[in-house]
């Protein structure tokens, strides 16, 4: 069984089984200009949901504090990972050599005029900027994007086009959303820079490279197992 046949086999299996949101959904051919986004939480959610990496299902992480309601649809970019390249880029920009990637897929929030009533869905988005965020000594970048084709915001091309109040609300949310109720220990979270589209695309490209670096071996092993089992 050759490589193209294996890829065809994997594509056909998606017709009869749900692909893993992190590994099984393609980021898109136009990356990093346009990316696929898996939405985990939406405005109005009073629970913080996140992806269970092993199963691919959404799980309840924690209740949100009242002031920490997510202001925009929020999730991650499939087939990305914040590891060595993302961490090194953050270390270079902040001048903090000990910073490392947080080993999670790259987070993203999407600006749209439309109400998205629930998470666990995918959409196409155009990156316009991001927050260089540190959670302790870990790079935890937050990409800001607009939903492709959005009537009100779809024409924005850079963070400078985003209304100031939206940036302020997002900044407040990300600086406070990791606070845990009834805990005396506060997380050391900070936003060191707010950057534009060019840097956002660089972070996305590096997160794609990090993902491929970490998961290429697993992909090759899968191809070998399928090839040997279906000969």
Protein backbone atom coordinates (compact mmCIF):
# COMPACT_ATOMS: atom_id res chain seq x y z
CA UNK A 1 0.00 0.00 0.00
CA UNK A 2 1.63 3.26 -1.12
CA UNK A 3 1.48 6.66 0.59
CA UNK A 4 -1.30 8.06 -1.61
CA UNK A 5 -3.45 4.98 -0.93
CA UNK A 6 -2.89 5.42 2.81
CA UNK A 7 -3.94 9.06 2.60
CA UNK A 8 -7.04 8.00 0.65
CA UNK A 9 -7.81 5.41 3.32
CA UNK A 10 -7.50 7.99 6.10
CA UNK A 11 -9.73 10.41 4.19
CA UNK A 12 -12.41 7.77 3.75
CA UNK A 13 -12.36 6.86 7.45
CA UNK A 14 -13.41 10.44 8.24
CA UNK A 15 -16.72 9.73 6.48
CA UNK A 16 -17.57 7.16 9.15
CA UNK A 17 -15.88 8.51 12.27
CA UNK A 18 -15.48 11.90 13.92
CA UNK A 19 -11.99 13.37 13.39
CA UNK A 20 -10.07 14.60 16.42
CA UNK A 21 -10.51 18.43 16.53
CA UNK A 22 -6.81 19.02 17.17
CA UNK A 23 -5.26 16.40 14.87
CA UNK A 24 -7.96 15.45 12.39
CA UNK A 25 -9.14 18.87 11.16
CA UNK A 26 -6.95 20.42 8.49
CA UNK A 27 -5.80 23.98 9.16
CA UNK A 28 -6.52 24.94 5.54
CA UNK A 29 -4.59 25.51 2.32
CA UNK A 30 -4.45 29.32 2.77
CA UNK A 31 -2.62 29.26 6.12
CA UNK A 32 -1.49 31.51 7.74
CA UNK A 33 -3.62 34.09 5.85
CA UNK A 34 -6.84 32.16 6.54
CA UNK A 35 -7.06 29.44 9.19
CA UNK A 36 -9.58 26.91 10.38
CA UNK A 37 -10.68 27.49 13.97
CA UNK A 38 -12.26 25.05 16.43
CA UNK A 39 -14.49 27.03 18.79
CA UNK A 40 -14.55 25.83 22.41
CA UNK A 41 -16.47 28.60 24.20
CA UNK A 42 -18.71 31.48 23.17
CA UNK A 43 -20.00 34.67 24.83
CA UNK A 44 -22.53 33.81 27.50
CA UNK A 45 -20.89 30.54 28.56
CA UNK A 46 -20.64 30.52 32.33
CA UNK A 47 -18.42 27.44 32.25
CA UNK A 48 -14.87 27.31 30.89
CA UNK A 49 -14.64 24.46 28.41
CA UNK A 50 -11.48 23.11 26.85
CA UNK A 51 -10.49 20.23 24.63
CA UNK A 52 -9.67 16.91 26.23
CA UNK A 53 -6.51 16.13 24.26
CA UNK A 54 -6.83 12.37 24.50
CA UNK A 55 -10.48 11.90 23.51
CA UNK A 56 -11.07 15.00 21.38
CA UNK A 57 -14.24 15.88 23.29
CA UNK A 58 -14.87 19.16 25.10
CA UNK A 59 -14.63 18.93 28.87
CA UNK A 60 -15.60 21.29 31.68
CA UNK A 61 -12.48 22.98 32.97
CA UNK A 62 -14.01 25.24 35.63
CA UNK A 63 -16.87 27.66 36.29
CA UNK A 64 -16.23 31.19 35.06
CA UNK A 65 -16.24 34.08 37.49
CA UNK A 66 -19.00 36.56 36.74
CA UNK A 67 -16.63 39.22 35.38
CA UNK A 68 -14.76 36.68 33.27
CA UNK A 69 -17.43 35.91 30.69
CA UNK A 70 -15.76 35.30 27.32
CA UNK A 71 -16.38 38.38 25.11
CA UNK A 72 -15.90 36.59 21.76
CA UNK A 73 -15.93 33.05 20.32
CA UNK A 74 -12.70 31.45 21.53
CA UNK A 75 -10.87 28.26 20.69
CA UNK A 76 -7.73 27.02 18.94
CA UNK A 77 -6.17 26.47 15.52
CA UNK A 78 -6.02 22.76 14.63
CA UNK A 79 -2.66 21.14 13.87
CA UNK A 80 -0.69 23.80 15.76
CA UNK A 81 1.45 23.51 18.89
CA UNK A 82 3.14 26.13 21.05
CA UNK A 83 6.50 24.50 21.67
CA UNK A 84 10.15 25.31 20.82
CA UNK A 85 9.74 27.74 17.91
CA UNK A 86 6.86 29.67 19.49
CA UNK A 87 8.67 29.77 22.83
CA UNK A 88 11.90 30.97 21.24
CA UNK A 89 10.06 33.71 19.36
CA UNK A 90 8.40 34.90 22.56
CA UNK A 91 11.73 34.76 24.41
CA UNK A 92 13.34 36.84 21.66
CA UNK A 93 10.58 39.47 21.67
CA UNK A 94 10.36 39.75 25.47
CA UNK A 95 14.06 39.38 26.27
CA UNK A 96 13.29 36.52 28.65
CA UNK A 97 15.45 33.53 27.68
CA UNK A 98 13.73 31.08 30.04
CA UNK A 99 10.33 31.35 28.31
CA UNK A 100 9.06 28.14 26.69
CA UNK A 101 5.95 27.15 24.76
CA UNK A 102 3.01 25.90 26.82
CA UNK A 103 2.65 22.65 24.80
CA UNK A 104 -0.95 23.44 23.82
CA UNK A 105 -2.50 24.22 20.44
CA UNK A 106 -2.44 27.92 19.53
CA UNK A 107 -5.34 29.87 21.06
CA UNK A 108 -7.46 32.21 18.96
CA UNK A 109 -10.51 34.44 19.44
CA UNK A 110 -12.72 35.46 16.53
CA UNK A 111 -14.46 38.80 16.06
CA UNK A 112 -17.87 38.59 14.38
CA UNK A 113 -21.10 40.57 14.37
CA UNK A 114 -23.13 37.35 14.38
CA UNK A 115 -24.22 35.46 17.45
CA UNK A 116 -22.65 32.01 17.66
CA UNK A 117 -24.83 30.19 20.22
CA UNK A 118 -22.55 27.29 21.14
CA UNK A 119 -19.05 25.90 20.79
CA UNK A 120 -17.87 22.57 19.35
CA UNK A 121 -17.87 23.90 15.79
CA UNK A 122 -15.37 25.07 13.17
CA UNK A 123 -15.14 28.27 11.14
CA UNK A 124 -12.71 30.10 8.85
CA UNK A 125 -10.95 33.16 10.26
CA UNK A 126 -8.47 35.80 9.11
CA UNK A 127 -5.76 36.67 11.67
CA UNK A 128 -5.33 40.41 12.31
CA UNK A 129 -3.07 40.44 15.38
CA UNK A 130 -2.56 38.96 18.79
CA UNK A 131 -1.53 39.25 22.42
CA UNK A 132 1.92 38.10 23.47
CA UNK A 133 0.87 36.58 26.76
CA UNK A 134 2.99 34.94 29.45
CA UNK A 135 1.57 32.47 31.95
CA UNK A 136 4.45 32.25 34.38
CA UNK A 137 7.40 31.24 32.19
CA UNK A 138 5.25 29.83 29.38
CA UNK A 139 4.35 31.50 26.08
CA UNK A 140 0.56 31.54 25.78
CA UNK A 141 -0.11 33.70 22.70
CA UNK A 142 -3.68 34.65 21.87
CA UNK A 143 -4.33 35.27 18.18
CA UNK A 144 -7.05 37.79 17.33
CA UNK A 145 -8.93 37.16 14.09
CA UNK A 146 -12.07 38.15 12.21
CA UNK A 147 -14.51 35.63 10.83
CA UNK A 148 -14.10 35.29 7.09
CA UNK A 149 -16.93 37.00 5.25
CA UNK A 150 -18.25 38.85 8.31
CA UNK A 151 -20.29 41.83 7.12
CA UNK A 152 -19.19 44.25 9.84
CA UNK A 153 -15.66 43.15 10.72
CA UNK A 154 -14.51 41.00 7.79
CA UNK A 155 -12.74 43.94 6.13
CA UNK A 156 -10.32 44.48 9.02
CA UNK A 157 -6.75 43.53 8.15
CA UNK A 158 -4.72 44.50 11.20
CA UNK A 159 -5.04 44.98 14.95
CA UNK A 160 -5.11 48.78 14.44
CA UNK A 161 -8.46 48.32 12.66
CA UNK A 162 -10.04 46.61 15.67
CA UNK A 163 -12.14 48.95 17.83
CA UNK A 164 -10.31 49.92 21.00
CA UNK A 165 -13.07 48.70 23.31
CA UNK A 166 -12.85 45.19 21.86
CA UNK A 167 -9.10 45.05 22.45
CA UNK A 168 -9.59 46.32 26.02
CA UNK A 169 -12.31 43.74 26.78
CA UNK A 170 -10.18 40.92 25.40
CA UNK A 171 -7.17 42.10 27.37
CA UNK A 172 -9.17 42.18 30.61
CA UNK A 173 -10.60 38.74 29.93
CA UNK A 174 -7.25 37.09 29.24
CA UNK A 175 -5.62 38.74 32.25
CA UNK A 176 -8.33 37.44 34.60
CA UNK A 177 -9.85 34.26 33.13
CA UNK A 178 -7.31 31.93 34.73
CA UNK A 179 -8.15 33.11 38.22
CA UNK A 180 -9.72 30.23 40.13
CA UNK A 181 -12.59 30.74 42.57
CA UNK A 182 -11.84 30.09 46.25
CA UNK A 183 -8.10 29.90 45.60
CA UNK A 184 -5.58 32.05 47.45
CA UNK A 185 -2.91 31.42 44.80
CA UNK A 186 -3.17 33.76 41.83
CA UNK A 187 -1.71 32.91 38.43
CA UNK A 188 1.14 35.12 37.17
CA UNK A 189 -0.32 36.17 33.83
CA UNK A 190 0.73 39.18 31.79
CA UNK A 191 0.40 40.59 28.30
CA UNK A 192 3.75 42.00 27.22
CA UNK A 193 2.84 43.13 23.70
CA UNK A 194 -0.16 43.62 21.44
CA UNK A 195 1.04 42.86 17.92
CA UNK A 196 -0.29 43.18 14.38
CA UNK A 197 -1.07 40.81 11.55
CA UNK A 198 2.53 40.24 10.45
CA UNK A 199 3.61 38.91 13.84
CA UNK A 200 0.38 36.95 14.21
CA UNK A 201 1.14 35.10 10.99
CA UNK A 202 4.70 34.46 12.19
CA UNK A 203 3.40 32.93 15.44
CA UNK A 204 0.94 30.77 13.48
CA UNK A 205 3.64 29.58 11.08
CA UNK A 206 5.95 28.71 13.97
CA UNK A 207 3.15 26.84 15.77
CA UNK A 208 2.56 24.80 12.60
CA UNK A 209 6.26 23.95 12.47
CA UNK A 210 6.20 22.98 16.15
CA UNK A 211 3.22 20.71 15.54
CA UNK A 212 4.85 19.01 12.57
CA UNK A 213 8.10 18.60 14.50
CA UNK A 214 6.35 16.88 17.41
CA UNK A 215 3.80 14.79 15.55
CA UNK A 216 5.52 13.81 12.28
CA UNK A 217 6.92 10.69 13.96
CA UNK A 218 3.43 9.65 15.04
CA UNK A 219 2.10 10.23 11.52
CA UNK A 220 4.86 8.11 10.00
CA UNK A 221 4.21 5.35 12.51
CA UNK A 222 0.50 5.44 11.68
CA UNK A 223 1.25 5.20 7.95
CA UNK A 224 3.56 2.25 8.58
CA UNK A 225 0.99 0.45 10.74
CA UNK A 226 -1.78 0.98 8.18
CA UNK A 227 0.52 -0.04 5.33
CA UNK A 228 1.65 -3.21 7.02
CA UNK A 229 -1.85 -4.13 8.14
CA UNK A 230 -3.55 -3.62 4.78
CA UNK A 231 -1.02 -5.20 2.43
